[in-house]
Amino acid sequence: MRSAALIPAAGQGERLGLGPKAFLPLGRHSLLKHVLLAFQGTVDELWVAVSETMLAEVERHLVAGVKVIVGANTRQATVYELLKASSAQLVLIHDAARPFLSKSLIAQCLRAVSEKEAITVARAVADTLMTRASGDIIDRSQLLAVQTPQGFKRELILKAHEQALEQGIEATDDAALVRLLGKTVHTVEGNPWLNKITTPEDYALAKALELSWYEA
């Protein structure tokens, strides 16, 4: 089965406050290019969606063979456009704001999604958690922190997005949309390297860790 990596990179990075997040520098490359280099040679198709304002800028952040489309106003709508553009049977959807992605993890995800309909990278929660309102402590042994890549049979995730569009549902990620179809989302073990860059502190930490990543 043909495989594709879909990278939604049309966000403006409002919470980080430094402009479109995917294009921020991290060592030798932008966040986006780190991700594309990881996927290069591992999938049959490589797709990126960017905002219309970044079309002229994106070229220098690409690797050979990448196809670019214009994204939509939300991440969910952008992923839907990417799904419609690709013809692959298996898709891995990955956040550009998670640049420390290994080829070995991509291979694990591809193996898993070829056997299952839906998978997500996830890791155990290390911190103690409490509810904001009551201060009650939550049993973290039952919780996982969901990361990306998330992998699906394209037909399934396309159906999930179409249902969400029809019903006006906005979810925080693609696995949540598949769960709304009543399907099981299986997990692949994640790691702390895949934490998402969202705040200035996250970005500062990523810059400090970048050299260690390439030495690992």
N, C-alpha and C. Protein backbone atom coordinates (compact mmCIF):
# COMPACT_ATOMS: atom_id res chain seq x y z
N MET A 1 0.84 -1.20 0.00
CA MET A 1 0.00 0.00 0.00
C MET A 1 0.87 1.25 0.00
N ARG A 2 0.46 2.23 -0.77
CA ARG A 2 1.20 3.49 -0.81
C ARG A 2 0.98 4.26 0.49
N SER A 3 2.04 4.93 0.92
CA SER A 3 1.98 5.70 2.17
C SER A 3 2.28 7.17 1.90
N ALA A 4 1.75 8.02 2.76
CA ALA A 4 1.98 9.46 2.63
C ALA A 4 2.16 10.07 4.01
N ALA A 5 3.00 11.08 4.09
CA ALA A 5 3.10 11.92 5.28
C ALA A 5 2.42 13.25 4.97
N LEU A 6 1.53 13.66 5.84
CA LEU A 6 0.79 14.91 5.67
C LEU A 6 1.18 15.86 6.79
N ILE A 7 1.71 17.02 6.43
CA ILE A 7 2.21 17.97 7.42
C ILE A 7 1.40 19.26 7.33
N PRO A 8 0.47 19.49 8.26
CA PRO A 8 -0.23 20.77 8.28
C PRO A 8 0.68 21.84 8.88
N ALA A 9 1.02 22.85 8.08
CA ALA A 9 1.95 23.89 8.52
C ALA A 9 1.43 25.27 8.15
N ALA A 10 0.11 25.43 8.24
CA ALA A 10 -0.51 26.70 7.85
C ALA A 10 -0.82 27.61 9.03
N GLY A 11 -0.49 27.15 10.25
CA GLY A 11 -0.79 27.95 11.44
C GLY A 11 0.08 29.19 11.54
N GLN A 12 -0.41 30.16 12.30
CA GLN A 12 0.30 31.43 12.45
C GLN A 12 1.10 31.53 13.74
N GLY A 13 1.01 30.52 14.59
CA GLY A 13 1.82 30.51 15.81
C GLY A 13 1.47 31.61 16.79
N GLU A 14 0.17 31.86 16.97
CA GLU A 14 -0.24 32.96 17.84
C GLU A 14 0.26 32.82 19.27
N ARG A 15 0.18 31.60 19.81
CA ARG A 15 0.60 31.41 21.21
C ARG A 15 2.09 31.62 21.39
N LEU A 16 2.87 31.25 20.39
CA LEU A 16 4.32 31.45 20.49
C LEU A 16 4.69 32.91 20.25
N GLY A 17 3.94 33.57 19.38
CA GLY A 17 4.13 35.00 19.16
C GLY A 17 5.34 35.38 18.33
N LEU A 18 5.85 34.44 17.51
CA LEU A 18 7.05 34.71 16.71
C LEU A 18 6.80 34.53 15.21
N GLY A 19 5.54 34.55 14.82
CA GLY A 19 5.20 34.34 13.41
C GLY A 19 4.89 32.88 13.15
N PRO A 20 4.68 32.52 11.88
CA PRO A 20 4.34 31.14 11.53
C PRO A 20 5.36 30.15 12.09
N LYS A 21 4.89 29.29 12.97
CA LYS A 21 5.78 28.46 13.77
C LYS A 21 6.62 27.48 12.94
N ALA A 22 6.04 26.92 11.90
CA ALA A 22 6.74 25.90 11.12
C ALA A 22 8.02 26.43 10.49
N PHE A 23 8.12 27.75 10.33
CA PHE A 23 9.26 28.33 9.62
C PHE A 23 10.31 28.91 10.57
N LEU A 24 10.12 28.72 11.87
CA LEU A 24 11.11 29.22 12.83
C LEU A 24 12.40 28.42 12.72
N PRO A 25 13.54 29.07 12.89
CA PRO A 25 14.81 28.34 12.79
C PRO A 25 15.06 27.49 14.03
N LEU A 26 15.66 26.33 13.80
CA LEU A 26 16.10 25.45 14.88
C LEU A 26 17.41 24.83 14.43
N GLY A 27 18.51 25.43 14.86
CA GLY A 27 19.81 24.98 14.39
C GLY A 27 19.97 25.24 12.90
N ARG A 28 20.29 24.22 12.15
CA ARG A 28 20.58 24.37 10.71
C ARG A 28 19.33 24.52 9.85
N HIS A 29 18.18 24.16 10.38
CA HIS A 29 16.97 24.13 9.57
C HIS A 29 15.79 24.74 10.31
N SER A 30 14.70 24.95 9.58
CA SER A 30 13.45 25.35 10.21
C SER A 30 12.80 24.12 10.85
N LEU A 31 11.79 24.36 11.71
CA LEU A 31 11.05 23.24 12.28
C LEU A 31 10.50 22.35 11.17
N LEU A 32 9.91 22.98 10.16
CA LEU A 32 9.32 22.22 9.06
C LEU A 32 10.35 21.36 8.35
N LYS A 33 11.52 21.91 8.07
CA LYS A 33 12.51 21.14 7.32
C LYS A 33 13.04 19.97 8.14
N HIS A 34 13.17 20.14 9.46
CA HIS A 34 13.56 19.00 10.30
C HIS A 34 12.58 17.84 10.10
N VAL A 35 11.29 18.16 10.10
CA VAL A 35 10.26 17.13 9.94
C VAL A 35 10.34 16.49 8.56
N LEU A 36 10.49 17.31 7.53
CA LEU A 36 10.55 16.79 6.16
C LEU A 36 11.77 15.90 5.96
N LEU A 37 12.89 16.26 6.56
CA LEU A 37 14.10 15.44 6.45
C LEU A 37 13.88 14.08 7.12
N ALA A 38 13.13 14.07 8.22
CA ALA A 38 12.84 12.80 8.89
C ALA A 38 11.99 11.90 8.00
N PHE A 39 11.00 12.47 7.33
CA PHE A 39 10.11 11.67 6.49
C PHE A 39 10.71 11.32 5.13
N GLN A 40 11.70 12.07 4.70
CA GLN A 40 12.28 11.85 3.37
C GLN A 40 12.80 10.42 3.24
N GLY A 41 12.34 9.71 2.22
CA GLY A 41 12.79 8.35 1.99
C GLY A 41 12.04 7.29 2.77
N THR A 42 11.08 7.69 3.59
CA THR A 42 10.33 6.71 4.40
C THR A 42 8.92 6.48 3.89
N VAL A 43 8.38 7.42 3.10
CA VAL A 43 7.01 7.32 2.60
C VAL A 43 7.01 7.56 1.08
N ASP A 44 5.91 7.18 0.45
CA ASP A 44 5.81 7.34 -1.01
C ASP A 44 5.42 8.75 -1.42
N GLU A 45 4.65 9.43 -0.57
CA GLU A 45 4.23 10.80 -0.85
C GLU A 45 4.52 11.66 0.37
N LEU A 46 4.90 12.90 0.12
CA LEU A 46 5.18 13.85 1.19
C LEU A 46 4.47 15.15 0.86
N TRP A 47 3.49 15.50 1.70
CA TRP A 47 2.65 16.67 1.45
C TRP A 47 2.77 17.67 2.59
N VAL A 48 2.77 18.95 2.23
CA VAL A 48 2.79 20.04 3.20
C VAL A 48 1.70 21.04 2.83
N ALA A 49 1.00 21.53 3.82
CA ALA A 49 0.03 22.61 3.60
C ALA A 49 0.50 23.85 4.35
N VAL A 50 0.58 24.97 3.65
CA VAL A 50 1.01 26.23 4.24
C VAL A 50 -0.04 27.30 3.95
N SER A 51 0.05 28.40 4.67
CA SER A 51 -0.86 29.51 4.40
C SER A 51 -0.49 30.16 3.08
N GLU A 52 -1.46 30.82 2.48
CA GLU A 52 -1.21 31.47 1.18
C GLU A 52 -0.10 32.51 1.29
N THR A 53 0.00 33.17 2.44
CA THR A 53 1.01 34.21 2.61
C THR A 53 2.43 33.64 2.67
N MET A 54 2.55 32.32 2.93
CA MET A 54 3.87 31.71 3.05
C MET A 54 4.27 30.90 1.81
N LEU A 55 3.46 30.93 0.77
CA LEU A 55 3.78 30.15 -0.43
C LEU A 55 5.13 30.54 -1.04
N ALA A 56 5.40 31.84 -1.07
CA ALA A 56 6.66 32.30 -1.66
C ALA A 56 7.85 31.95 -0.78
N GLU A 57 7.62 31.80 0.51
CA GLU A 57 8.69 31.55 1.47
C GLU A 57 9.02 30.06 1.60
N VAL A 58 8.05 29.19 1.34
CA VAL A 58 8.18 27.79 1.72
C VAL A 58 9.26 27.06 0.93
N GLU A 59 9.57 27.49 -0.27
CA GLU A 59 10.46 26.74 -1.16
C GLU A 59 11.79 26.40 -0.50
N ARG A 60 12.38 27.32 0.22
CA ARG A 60 13.70 27.06 0.80
C ARG A 60 13.66 26.15 2.03
N HIS A 61 12.45 25.81 2.46
CA HIS A 61 12.30 24.92 3.62
C HIS A 61 11.94 23.49 3.21
N LEU A 62 11.91 23.22 1.90
CA LEU A 62 11.45 21.93 1.42
C LEU A 62 12.61 20.98 1.13
N VAL A 63 12.28 19.71 0.96
CA VAL A 63 13.22 18.71 0.47
C VAL A 63 12.66 18.19 -0.86
N ALA A 64 13.46 17.43 -1.57
CA ALA A 64 13.05 16.95 -2.90
C ALA A 64 11.78 16.11 -2.81
N GLY A 65 10.89 16.34 -3.76
CA GLY A 65 9.70 15.51 -3.87
C GLY A 65 8.49 15.95 -3.07
N VAL A 66 8.62 17.02 -2.30
CA VAL A 66 7.50 17.48 -1.48
C VAL A 66 6.47 18.19 -2.35
N LYS A 67 5.20 17.90 -2.09
CA LYS A 67 4.11 18.60 -2.77
C LYS A 67 3.47 19.57 -1.78
N VAL A 68 3.17 20.78 -2.26
CA VAL A 68 2.67 21.85 -1.38
C VAL A 68 1.27 22.26 -1.82
N ILE A 69 0.39 22.43 -0.84
CA ILE A 69 -0.93 22.99 -1.10
C ILE A 69 -1.17 24.14 -0.13
N VAL A 70 -2.20 24.93 -0.42
CA VAL A 70 -2.59 26.01 0.50
C VAL A 70 -3.51 25.43 1.56
N GLY A 71 -3.21 25.72 2.82
CA GLY A 71 -4.02 25.23 3.92
C GLY A 71 -5.27 26.07 4.13
N ALA A 72 -6.03 25.70 5.15
CA ALA A 72 -7.29 26.37 5.47
C ALA A 72 -7.13 27.17 6.76
N ASN A 73 -8.26 27.62 7.31
CA ASN A 73 -8.21 28.51 8.48
C ASN A 73 -7.96 27.78 9.79
N THR A 74 -8.20 26.47 9.84
CA THR A 74 -7.96 25.69 11.05
C THR A 74 -7.11 24.48 10.71
N ARG A 75 -6.50 23.91 11.74
CA ARG A 75 -5.68 22.70 11.52
C ARG A 75 -6.55 21.58 10.95
N GLN A 76 -7.73 21.40 11.54
CA GLN A 76 -8.59 20.31 11.10
C GLN A 76 -8.96 20.45 9.62
N ALA A 77 -9.33 21.66 9.23
CA ALA A 77 -9.69 21.89 7.82
C ALA A 77 -8.48 21.72 6.91
N THR A 78 -7.31 22.08 7.40
CA THR A 78 -6.08 21.92 6.61
C THR A 78 -5.77 20.44 6.39
N VAL A 79 -5.90 19.64 7.44
CA VAL A 79 -5.68 18.20 7.29
C VAL A 79 -6.66 17.60 6.29
N TYR A 80 -7.90 18.05 6.32
CA TYR A 80 -8.90 17.57 5.37
C TYR A 80 -8.48 17.86 3.93
N GLU A 81 -7.94 19.05 3.69
CA GLU A 81 -7.45 19.38 2.35
C GLU A 81 -6.29 18.48 1.95
N LEU A 82 -5.41 18.20 2.88
CA LEU A 82 -4.28 17.30 2.60
C LEU A 82 -4.78 15.89 2.28
N LEU A 83 -5.77 15.42 3.02
CA LEU A 83 -6.32 14.09 2.77
C LEU A 83 -6.94 13.99 1.38
N LYS A 84 -7.60 15.05 0.96
CA LYS A 84 -8.20 15.05 -0.37
C LYS A 84 -7.14 15.10 -1.46
N ALA A 85 -6.01 15.73 -1.17
CA ALA A 85 -4.95 15.87 -2.17
C ALA A 85 -4.18 14.57 -2.39
N SER A 86 -4.00 13.79 -1.33
CA SER A 86 -3.22 12.56 -1.42
C SER A 86 -4.06 11.41 -1.98
N SER A 87 -3.37 10.47 -2.60
CA SER A 87 -4.04 9.26 -3.09
C SER A 87 -3.53 8.01 -2.39
N ALA A 88 -2.69 8.18 -1.36
CA ALA A 88 -2.11 7.04 -0.66
C ALA A 88 -3.17 6.29 0.15
N GLN A 89 -2.92 5.01 0.38
CA GLN A 89 -3.85 4.21 1.20
C GLN A 89 -3.58 4.38 2.69
N LEU A 90 -2.33 4.65 3.06
CA LEU A 90 -1.94 4.86 4.45
C LEU A 90 -1.41 6.27 4.60
N VAL A 91 -1.84 6.96 5.65
CA VAL A 91 -1.34 8.33 5.87
C VAL A 91 -0.83 8.48 7.30
N LEU A 92 0.27 9.19 7.43
CA LEU A 92 0.78 9.63 8.73
C LEU A 92 0.63 11.14 8.78
N ILE A 93 -0.04 11.63 9.81
CA ILE A 93 -0.25 13.06 9.99
C ILE A 93 0.65 13.51 11.14
N HIS A 94 1.45 14.55 10.90
CA HIS A 94 2.43 14.95 11.91
C HIS A 94 2.49 16.46 12.02
N ASP A 95 2.63 16.94 13.27
CA ASP A 95 2.74 18.37 13.53
C ASP A 95 4.14 18.88 13.20
N ALA A 96 4.21 19.98 12.47
CA ALA A 96 5.51 20.59 12.18
C ALA A 96 6.18 21.08 13.45
N ALA A 97 5.40 21.32 14.50
CA ALA A 97 5.95 21.81 15.76
C ALA A 97 6.52 20.70 16.64
N ARG A 98 6.67 19.50 16.07
CA ARG A 98 7.35 18.39 16.76
C ARG A 98 8.53 17.98 15.88
N PRO A 99 9.63 18.75 15.90
CA PRO A 99 10.71 18.54 14.92
C PRO A 99 11.61 17.36 15.20
N PHE A 100 11.63 16.87 16.45
CA PHE A 100 12.58 15.80 16.79
C PHE A 100 11.94 14.43 16.55
N LEU A 101 11.81 14.09 15.30
CA LEU A 101 11.15 12.86 14.86
C LEU A 101 12.18 11.94 14.21
N SER A 102 12.21 10.70 14.64
CA SER A 102 13.21 9.76 14.10
C SER A 102 12.62 8.88 13.00
N LYS A 103 13.48 8.47 12.09
CA LYS A 103 13.05 7.56 11.03
C LYS A 103 12.62 6.21 11.61
N SER A 104 13.23 5.80 12.71
CA SER A 104 12.84 4.52 13.31
C SER A 104 11.41 4.58 13.85
N LEU A 105 11.01 5.71 14.43
CA LEU A 105 9.64 5.83 14.91
C LEU A 105 8.66 5.88 13.73
N ILE A 106 9.04 6.57 12.67
CA ILE A 106 8.20 6.59 11.46
C ILE A 106 7.98 5.16 10.97
N ALA A 107 9.04 4.36 10.93
CA ALA A 107 8.92 2.97 10.48
C ALA A 107 7.99 2.18 11.39
N GLN A 108 8.09 2.40 12.70
CA GLN A 108 7.19 1.74 13.64
C GLN A 108 5.74 2.11 13.35
N CYS A 109 5.50 3.38 13.11
CA CYS A 109 4.14 3.86 12.84
C CYS A 109 3.60 3.25 11.55
N LEU A 110 4.42 3.17 10.53
CA LEU A 110 3.98 2.60 9.26
C LEU A 110 3.64 1.11 9.41
N ARG A 111 4.47 0.40 10.18
CA ARG A 111 4.17 -1.02 10.41
C ARG A 111 2.86 -1.18 11.17
N ALA A 112 2.67 -0.33 12.18
CA ALA A 112 1.46 -0.43 13.01
C ALA A 112 0.21 -0.11 12.22
N VAL A 113 0.25 0.96 11.43
CA VAL A 113 -0.97 1.37 10.71
C VAL A 113 -1.26 0.43 9.55
N SER A 114 -0.28 -0.29 9.07
CA SER A 114 -0.54 -1.27 8.02
C SER A 114 -1.33 -2.46 8.57
N GLU A 115 -1.23 -2.68 9.89
CA GLU A 115 -1.95 -3.78 10.54
C GLU A 115 -3.26 -3.32 11.19
N LYS A 116 -3.29 -2.07 11.62
CA LYS A 116 -4.47 -1.51 12.31
C LYS A 116 -5.08 -0.42 11.44
N GLU A 117 -6.29 -0.04 11.77
CA GLU A 117 -6.94 1.05 11.02
C GLU A 117 -6.46 2.42 11.47
N ALA A 118 -6.09 2.52 12.75
CA ALA A 118 -5.76 3.85 13.30
C ALA A 118 -4.76 3.70 14.43
N ILE A 119 -3.72 4.55 14.41
CA ILE A 119 -2.73 4.52 15.49
C ILE A 119 -2.33 5.96 15.84
N THR A 120 -1.84 6.12 17.05
CA THR A 120 -1.23 7.40 17.43
C THR A 120 -0.02 7.12 18.29
N VAL A 121 0.97 7.95 18.17
CA VAL A 121 2.08 7.93 19.11
C VAL A 121 1.59 8.56 20.41
N ALA A 122 1.94 7.94 21.53
CA ALA A 122 1.53 8.45 22.84
C ALA A 122 2.53 7.98 23.87
N ARG A 123 2.61 8.69 24.98
CA ARG A 123 3.54 8.31 26.04
C ARG A 123 2.87 8.44 27.40
N ALA A 124 3.39 7.71 28.36
CA ALA A 124 2.85 7.76 29.72
C ALA A 124 3.02 9.16 30.30
N VAL A 125 2.08 9.55 31.14
CA VAL A 125 2.15 10.85 31.81
C VAL A 125 3.03 10.72 33.04
N ALA A 126 4.05 11.56 33.14
CA ALA A 126 5.01 11.47 34.25
C ALA A 126 4.61 12.33 35.44
N ASP A 127 3.97 13.47 35.19
CA ASP A 127 3.62 14.40 36.25
C ASP A 127 2.33 14.00 36.95
N THR A 128 2.23 14.36 38.23
CA THR A 128 0.96 14.23 38.93
C THR A 128 -0.01 15.26 38.37
N LEU A 129 -1.26 14.86 38.18
CA LEU A 129 -2.26 15.73 37.58
C LEU A 129 -3.40 15.97 38.55
N MET A 130 -3.92 17.20 38.56
CA MET A 130 -5.09 17.51 39.36
C MET A 130 -6.08 18.31 38.54
N THR A 131 -7.34 18.25 38.92
CA THR A 131 -8.36 19.02 38.21
C THR A 131 -8.27 20.48 38.62
N ARG A 132 -8.52 21.38 37.67
CA ARG A 132 -8.42 22.81 37.93
C ARG A 132 -9.47 23.27 38.94
N ALA A 133 -10.70 22.77 38.80
CA ALA A 133 -11.81 23.27 39.62
C ALA A 133 -11.74 22.78 41.06
N SER A 134 -11.55 21.47 41.25
CA SER A 134 -11.64 20.91 42.60
C SER A 134 -10.29 20.61 43.24
N GLY A 135 -9.26 20.52 42.43
CA GLY A 135 -7.95 20.16 42.96
C GLY A 135 -7.79 18.67 43.20
N ASP A 136 -8.75 17.87 42.74
CA ASP A 136 -8.66 16.42 42.91
C ASP A 136 -7.50 15.86 42.09
N ILE A 137 -6.80 14.89 42.66
CA ILE A 137 -5.70 14.23 41.97
C ILE A 137 -6.26 13.14 41.05
N ILE A 138 -5.77 13.10 39.82
CA ILE A 138 -6.22 12.13 38.83
C ILE A 138 -5.21 10.98 38.77
N ASP A 139 -5.72 9.77 38.65
CA ASP A 139 -4.87 8.59 38.53
C ASP A 139 -4.15 8.62 37.18
N ARG A 140 -2.88 8.97 37.20
CA ARG A 140 -2.15 9.13 35.94
C ARG A 140 -1.84 7.79 35.27
N SER A 141 -1.96 6.69 36.01
CA SER A 141 -1.67 5.39 35.41
C SER A 141 -2.65 5.05 34.29
N GLN A 142 -3.79 5.73 34.28
CA GLN A 142 -4.80 5.49 33.25
C GLN A 142 -4.71 6.49 32.10
N LEU A 143 -3.72 7.37 32.14
CA LEU A 143 -3.64 8.46 31.16
C LEU A 143 -2.42 8.32 30.25
N LEU A 144 -2.57 8.81 29.03
CA LEU A 144 -1.48 8.91 28.07
C LEU A 144 -1.46 10.31 27.48
N ALA A 145 -0.27 10.84 27.25
CA ALA A 145 -0.12 12.10 26.53
C ALA A 145 -0.02 11.77 25.04
N VAL A 146 -0.96 12.26 24.27
CA VAL A 146 -1.02 11.94 22.84
C VAL A 146 -0.08 12.85 22.06
N GLN A 147 0.69 12.27 21.16
CA GLN A 147 1.64 13.01 20.33
C GLN A 147 1.32 12.74 18.86
N THR A 148 2.23 13.06 17.99
CA THR A 148 2.15 12.65 16.59
C THR A 148 3.51 12.08 16.21
N PRO A 149 3.58 11.27 15.16
CA PRO A 149 2.60 11.02 14.10
C PRO A 149 1.36 10.26 14.58
N GLN A 150 0.26 10.51 13.85
CA GLN A 150 -0.94 9.69 13.96
C GLN A 150 -1.16 9.07 12.58
N GLY A 151 -1.43 7.77 12.56
CA GLY A 151 -1.53 7.07 11.29
C GLY A 151 -2.89 6.43 11.09
N PHE A 152 -3.35 6.43 9.85
CA PHE A 152 -4.69 5.91 9.54
C PHE A 152 -4.73 5.31 8.15
N LYS A 153 -5.65 4.38 7.98
CA LYS A 153 -6.08 4.06 6.63
C LYS A 153 -6.76 5.34 6.10
N ARG A 154 -6.34 5.78 4.93
CA ARG A 154 -6.84 7.07 4.43
C ARG A 154 -8.37 7.09 4.32
N GLU A 155 -8.95 6.00 3.89
CA GLU A 155 -10.41 5.94 3.74
C GLU A 155 -11.12 6.20 5.06
N LEU A 156 -10.54 5.67 6.16
CA LEU A 156 -11.15 5.85 7.48
C LEU A 156 -11.04 7.29 7.96
N ILE A 157 -9.85 7.88 7.90
CA ILE A 157 -9.69 9.23 8.41
C ILE A 157 -10.42 10.25 7.54
N LEU A 158 -10.53 9.96 6.25
CA LEU A 158 -11.31 10.84 5.37
C LEU A 158 -12.79 10.80 5.78
N LYS A 159 -13.29 9.62 6.07
CA LYS A 159 -14.68 9.48 6.53
C LYS A 159 -14.89 10.23 7.85
N ALA A 160 -13.91 10.14 8.75
CA ALA A 160 -14.01 10.83 10.04
C ALA A 160 -14.06 12.34 9.86
N HIS A 161 -13.24 12.86 8.95
CA HIS A 161 -13.25 14.30 8.69
C HIS A 161 -14.55 14.74 8.03
N GLU A 162 -15.06 13.93 7.14
CA GLU A 162 -16.31 14.29 6.47
C GLU A 162 -17.48 14.31 7.46
N GLN A 163 -17.49 13.36 8.40
CA GLN A 163 -18.53 13.37 9.43
C GLN A 163 -18.41 14.61 10.31
N ALA A 164 -17.18 14.96 10.68
CA ALA A 164 -16.97 16.14 11.51
C ALA A 164 -17.43 17.40 10.80
N LEU A 165 -17.17 17.48 9.51
CA LEU A 165 -17.59 18.64 8.73
C LEU A 165 -19.11 18.73 8.68
N GLU A 166 -19.77 17.61 8.46
CA GLU A 166 -21.23 17.58 8.39
C GLU A 166 -21.87 17.96 9.72
N GLN A 167 -21.25 17.55 10.83
CA GLN A 167 -21.84 17.75 12.15
C GLN A 167 -21.29 18.97 12.88
N GLY A 168 -20.38 19.70 12.25
CA GLY A 168 -19.82 20.89 12.88
C GLY A 168 -18.95 20.59 14.08
N ILE A 169 -18.23 19.48 14.03
CA ILE A 169 -17.38 19.05 15.15
C ILE A 169 -15.96 19.54 14.93
N GLU A 170 -15.37 20.16 15.96
CA GLU A 170 -13.96 20.53 15.95
C GLU A 170 -13.25 19.75 17.04
N ALA A 171 -12.25 18.98 16.69
CA ALA A 171 -11.51 18.17 17.66
C ALA A 171 -10.07 18.67 17.75
N THR A 172 -9.39 18.26 18.81
CA THR A 172 -8.02 18.72 19.01
C THR A 172 -7.02 17.96 18.15
N ASP A 173 -7.40 16.77 17.69
CA ASP A 173 -6.51 16.03 16.79
C ASP A 173 -7.32 15.06 15.95
N ASP A 174 -6.65 14.35 15.07
CA ASP A 174 -7.33 13.47 14.12
C ASP A 174 -7.78 12.18 14.77
N ALA A 175 -7.04 11.69 15.75
CA ALA A 175 -7.44 10.47 16.44
C ALA A 175 -8.79 10.66 17.12
N ALA A 176 -9.05 11.84 17.64
CA ALA A 176 -10.33 12.11 18.30
C ALA A 176 -11.49 11.99 17.32
N LEU A 177 -11.27 12.40 16.08
CA LEU A 177 -12.33 12.29 15.07
C LEU A 177 -12.61 10.82 14.74
N VAL A 178 -11.58 10.01 14.71
CA VAL A 178 -11.76 8.58 14.45
C VAL A 178 -12.49 7.92 15.61
N ARG A 179 -12.20 8.33 16.83
CA ARG A 179 -12.90 7.78 17.99
C ARG A 179 -14.40 8.09 17.90
N LEU A 180 -14.75 9.22 17.34
CA LEU A 180 -16.17 9.58 17.19
C LEU A 180 -16.90 8.65 16.22
N LEU A 181 -16.15 7.93 15.41
CA LEU A 181 -16.75 6.91 14.54
C LEU A 181 -16.91 5.58 15.27
N GLY A 182 -16.45 5.54 16.52
CA GLY A 182 -16.53 4.30 17.29
C GLY A 182 -15.38 3.35 17.04
N LYS A 183 -14.32 3.83 16.41
CA LYS A 183 -13.17 2.99 16.09
C LYS A 183 -12.11 3.08 17.19
N THR A 184 -11.36 2.01 17.34
CA THR A 184 -10.26 1.98 18.29
C THR A 184 -9.02 2.63 17.68
N VAL A 185 -8.35 3.46 18.47
CA VAL A 185 -7.07 4.04 18.05
C VAL A 185 -5.98 3.36 18.87
N HIS A 186 -5.13 2.61 18.22
CA HIS A 186 -4.05 1.89 18.90
C HIS A 186 -2.86 2.83 19.12
N THR A 187 -1.97 2.46 20.03
CA THR A 187 -0.87 3.35 20.38
C THR A 187 0.49 2.76 20.01
N VAL A 188 1.38 3.67 19.68
CA VAL A 188 2.80 3.39 19.47
C VAL A 188 3.55 4.22 20.51
N GLU A 189 4.53 3.63 21.17
CA GLU A 189 5.22 4.31 22.27
C GLU A 189 5.95 5.56 21.80
N GLY A 190 5.63 6.69 22.43
CA GLY A 190 6.29 7.95 22.11
C GLY A 190 7.46 8.23 23.03
N ASN A 191 7.92 9.48 23.05
CA ASN A 191 9.06 9.84 23.87
C ASN A 191 9.06 11.35 24.11
N PRO A 192 9.83 11.82 25.10
CA PRO A 192 9.84 13.26 25.42
C PRO A 192 10.35 14.14 24.29
N TRP A 193 11.14 13.60 23.37
CA TRP A 193 11.63 14.40 22.25
C TRP A 193 10.48 14.94 21.40
N LEU A 194 9.36 14.26 21.42
CA LEU A 194 8.24 14.63 20.56
C LEU A 194 7.30 15.65 21.19
N ASN A 195 7.67 16.21 22.32
CA ASN A 195 6.83 17.25 22.91
C ASN A 195 6.67 18.41 21.94
N LYS A 196 5.47 18.96 21.90
CA LYS A 196 5.14 20.01 20.92
C LYS A 196 5.70 21.36 21.35
N ILE A 197 6.24 22.11 20.40
CA ILE A 197 6.70 23.48 20.67
C ILE A 197 5.50 24.41 20.56
N THR A 198 5.10 24.95 21.70
CA THR A 198 3.90 25.80 21.76
C THR A 198 4.20 27.17 22.35
N THR A 199 5.06 27.22 23.36
CA THR A 199 5.35 28.45 24.09
C THR A 199 6.79 28.89 23.83
N PRO A 200 7.14 30.14 24.19
CA PRO A 200 8.53 30.57 24.07
C PRO A 200 9.49 29.68 24.86
N GLU A 201 9.03 29.17 26.00
CA GLU A 201 9.87 28.28 26.80
C GLU A 201 10.13 26.96 26.08
N ASP A 202 9.10 26.44 25.42
CA ASP A 202 9.28 25.21 24.62
C ASP A 202 10.32 25.43 23.52
N TYR A 203 10.24 26.57 22.88
CA TYR A 203 11.15 26.87 21.77
C TYR A 203 12.58 27.02 22.28
N ALA A 204 12.74 27.68 23.42
CA ALA A 204 14.07 27.84 24.01
C ALA A 204 14.66 26.48 24.37
N LEU A 205 13.84 25.60 24.91
CA LEU A 205 14.32 24.26 25.26
C LEU A 205 14.70 23.48 24.01
N ALA A 206 13.90 23.58 22.95
CA ALA A 206 14.20 22.88 21.70
C ALA A 206 15.54 23.35 21.13
N LYS A 207 15.79 24.66 21.19
CA LYS A 207 17.06 25.18 20.67
C LYS A 207 18.24 24.65 21.49
N ALA A 208 18.04 24.49 22.78
CA ALA A 208 19.10 23.96 23.63
C ALA A 208 19.34 22.47 23.37
N LEU A 209 18.29 21.76 22.97
CA LEU A 209 18.39 20.32 22.77
C LEU A 209 18.80 19.92 21.36
N GLU A 210 18.74 20.85 20.42
CA GLU A 210 18.92 20.50 19.01
C GLU A 210 20.25 19.81 18.73
N LEU A 211 21.33 20.31 19.29
CA LEU A 211 22.64 19.70 19.05
C LEU A 211 22.69 18.28 19.61
N SER A 212 22.10 18.09 20.79
CA SER A 212 22.08 16.76 21.40
C SER A 212 21.30 15.77 20.55
N TRP A 213 20.24 16.24 19.89
CA TRP A 213 19.43 15.37 19.04
C TRP A 213 20.27 14.78 17.92
N TYR A 214 21.10 15.59 17.28
CA TYR A 214 21.90 15.09 16.17
C TYR A 214 23.11 14.30 16.63
N GLU A 215 23.47 14.43 17.89
CA GLU A 215 24.57 13.64 18.43
C GLU A 215 24.09 12.31 18.99
N ALA A 216 22.76 12.20 19.21
CA ALA A 216 22.20 10.99 19.83
C ALA A 216 22.30 9.79 18.89
